[in-house]
Amino acid sequence: MRGERREAKLDQARPVKNSGRGERKGDAVLNNQFLIDYKHNAKSFVLSKKNWDKHAKDAWNDGHYEPLIKVIFDDNSAVAIIEWNTFKEFLNDNGN
């Protein structure tokens, strides 16, 4: 299992000092746009409205970032969870 610091380095993201404790939330900032929360899971990950809302609020309060959850499975495959409107903007920015 890779730690948050190594994951941030692989993603070319800036680790958040004292992440998850005190005033700073999330694990890393990507492209000065997304606050990433890394989740390492063996086989599954459960997303709830409550934990998404908390991460979204933390991302906004920490610097008006977009929330992003990166789930890394035990085989090192990964998925990103972002707001639907952010996804649609990404598609529009890429000519789709």
Protein backbone atom coordinates (compact mmCIF):
# COMPACT_ATOMS: atom_id res chain seq x y z
CA MET A 1 0.00 0.00 0.00
CA ARG A 2 1.34 3.41 -0.97
CA GLY A 3 1.15 6.27 1.49
CA GLU A 4 -0.37 9.68 0.82
CA ARG A 5 3.01 11.38 0.33
CA ARG A 6 4.11 8.84 -2.26
CA GLU A 7 0.72 9.00 -3.95
CA ALA A 8 0.93 12.81 -4.13
CA LYS A 9 4.39 12.57 -5.68
CA LEU A 10 3.13 10.11 -8.31
CA ASP A 11 0.25 12.50 -9.07
CA GLN A 12 2.58 15.52 -9.18
CA ALA A 13 0.42 17.07 -6.48
CA ARG A 14 1.52 19.20 -3.53
CA PRO A 15 1.11 17.38 -0.19
CA VAL A 16 -0.90 19.27 2.41
CA LYS A 17 1.07 19.91 5.59
CA ASN A 18 -0.57 18.27 8.61
CA SER A 19 -3.36 16.92 6.43
CA GLY A 20 -6.44 15.67 8.23
CA ARG A 21 -5.47 17.34 11.49
CA GLY A 22 -6.08 20.86 12.66
CA GLU A 23 -7.11 23.45 10.10
CA ARG A 24 -5.77 21.78 6.95
CA LYS A 25 -7.84 19.01 5.40
CA GLY A 26 -7.30 16.67 2.49
CA ASP A 27 -4.01 15.03 1.55
CA ALA A 28 -2.73 16.99 -1.47
CA VAL A 29 -3.54 19.81 -3.89
CA LEU A 30 -3.47 19.07 -7.63
CA ASN A 31 -3.01 21.83 -10.22
CA ASN A 32 -4.03 24.40 -7.60
CA GLN A 33 -7.60 23.33 -8.40
CA PHE A 34 -8.38 20.05 -6.61
CA LEU A 35 -8.07 19.05 -2.97
CA ILE A 36 -7.38 15.31 -3.05
CA ASP A 37 -8.38 12.90 -0.33
CA TYR A 38 -6.57 9.56 -0.88
CA LYS A 39 -8.41 6.39 0.09
CA HIS A 40 -6.48 3.10 0.10
CA ASN A 41 -8.81 0.13 0.00
CA ALA A 42 -8.23 -3.56 -0.49
CA LYS A 43 -11.28 -4.45 -2.56
CA SER A 44 -14.02 -1.84 -2.19
CA PHE A 45 -14.82 1.73 -1.21
CA VAL A 46 -18.10 3.11 0.08
CA LEU A 47 -18.96 6.70 -0.76
CA SER A 48 -21.71 8.30 1.27
CA LYS A 49 -23.41 11.65 0.87
CA LYS A 50 -22.11 12.56 4.32
CA ASN A 51 -18.42 11.89 3.59
CA TRP A 52 -18.64 13.56 0.15
CA ASP A 53 -20.28 16.67 1.64
CA LYS A 54 -17.58 16.86 4.32
CA HIS A 55 -14.76 16.65 1.77
CA ALA A 56 -16.48 19.21 -0.49
CA LYS A 57 -16.87 21.61 2.45
CA ASP A 58 -13.25 21.08 3.51
CA ALA A 59 -12.04 21.69 -0.06
CA TRP A 60 -13.99 24.94 -0.32
CA ASN A 61 -12.93 26.20 3.10
CA ASP A 62 -9.28 25.28 2.56
CA GLY A 63 -8.80 27.41 -0.55
CA HIS A 64 -11.90 27.25 -2.74
CA TYR A 65 -10.69 23.98 -4.28
CA GLU A 66 -12.74 21.38 -6.09
CA PRO A 67 -13.10 18.14 -4.10
CA LEU A 68 -11.50 15.00 -5.51
CA ILE A 69 -11.35 11.57 -3.91
CA LYS A 70 -8.79 9.15 -5.33
CA VAL A 71 -9.49 5.53 -4.44
CA ILE A 72 -6.49 3.21 -4.77
CA PHE A 73 -7.25 -0.51 -4.75
CA ASP A 74 -4.90 -3.28 -3.64
CA ASP A 75 -3.76 -3.95 -7.22
CA ASN A 76 -2.79 -0.22 -7.50
CA SER A 77 -5.59 0.54 -9.94
CA ALA A 78 -7.28 3.81 -9.06
CA VAL A 79 -10.41 5.83 -9.72
CA ALA A 80 -11.16 9.51 -9.24
CA ILE A 81 -14.42 10.83 -7.85
CA ILE A 82 -15.27 14.42 -8.79
CA GLU A 83 -18.40 16.60 -8.95
CA TRP A 84 -20.53 15.90 -12.04
CA ASN A 85 -20.47 19.56 -13.13
CA THR A 86 -16.67 19.56 -12.92
CA PHE A 87 -16.63 16.47 -15.12
CA LYS A 88 -18.93 18.17 -17.66
CA GLU A 89 -16.66 21.25 -17.69
CA PHE A 90 -13.71 18.95 -18.36
CA LEU A 91 -15.54 17.45 -21.34
CA ASN A 92 -16.45 20.89 -22.69
CA ASP A 93 -12.87 22.16 -22.27
CA ASN A 94 -11.66 19.23 -24.34
CA GLY A 95 -14.04 19.83 -27.24
CA ASN A 96 -16.55 17.09 -26.44
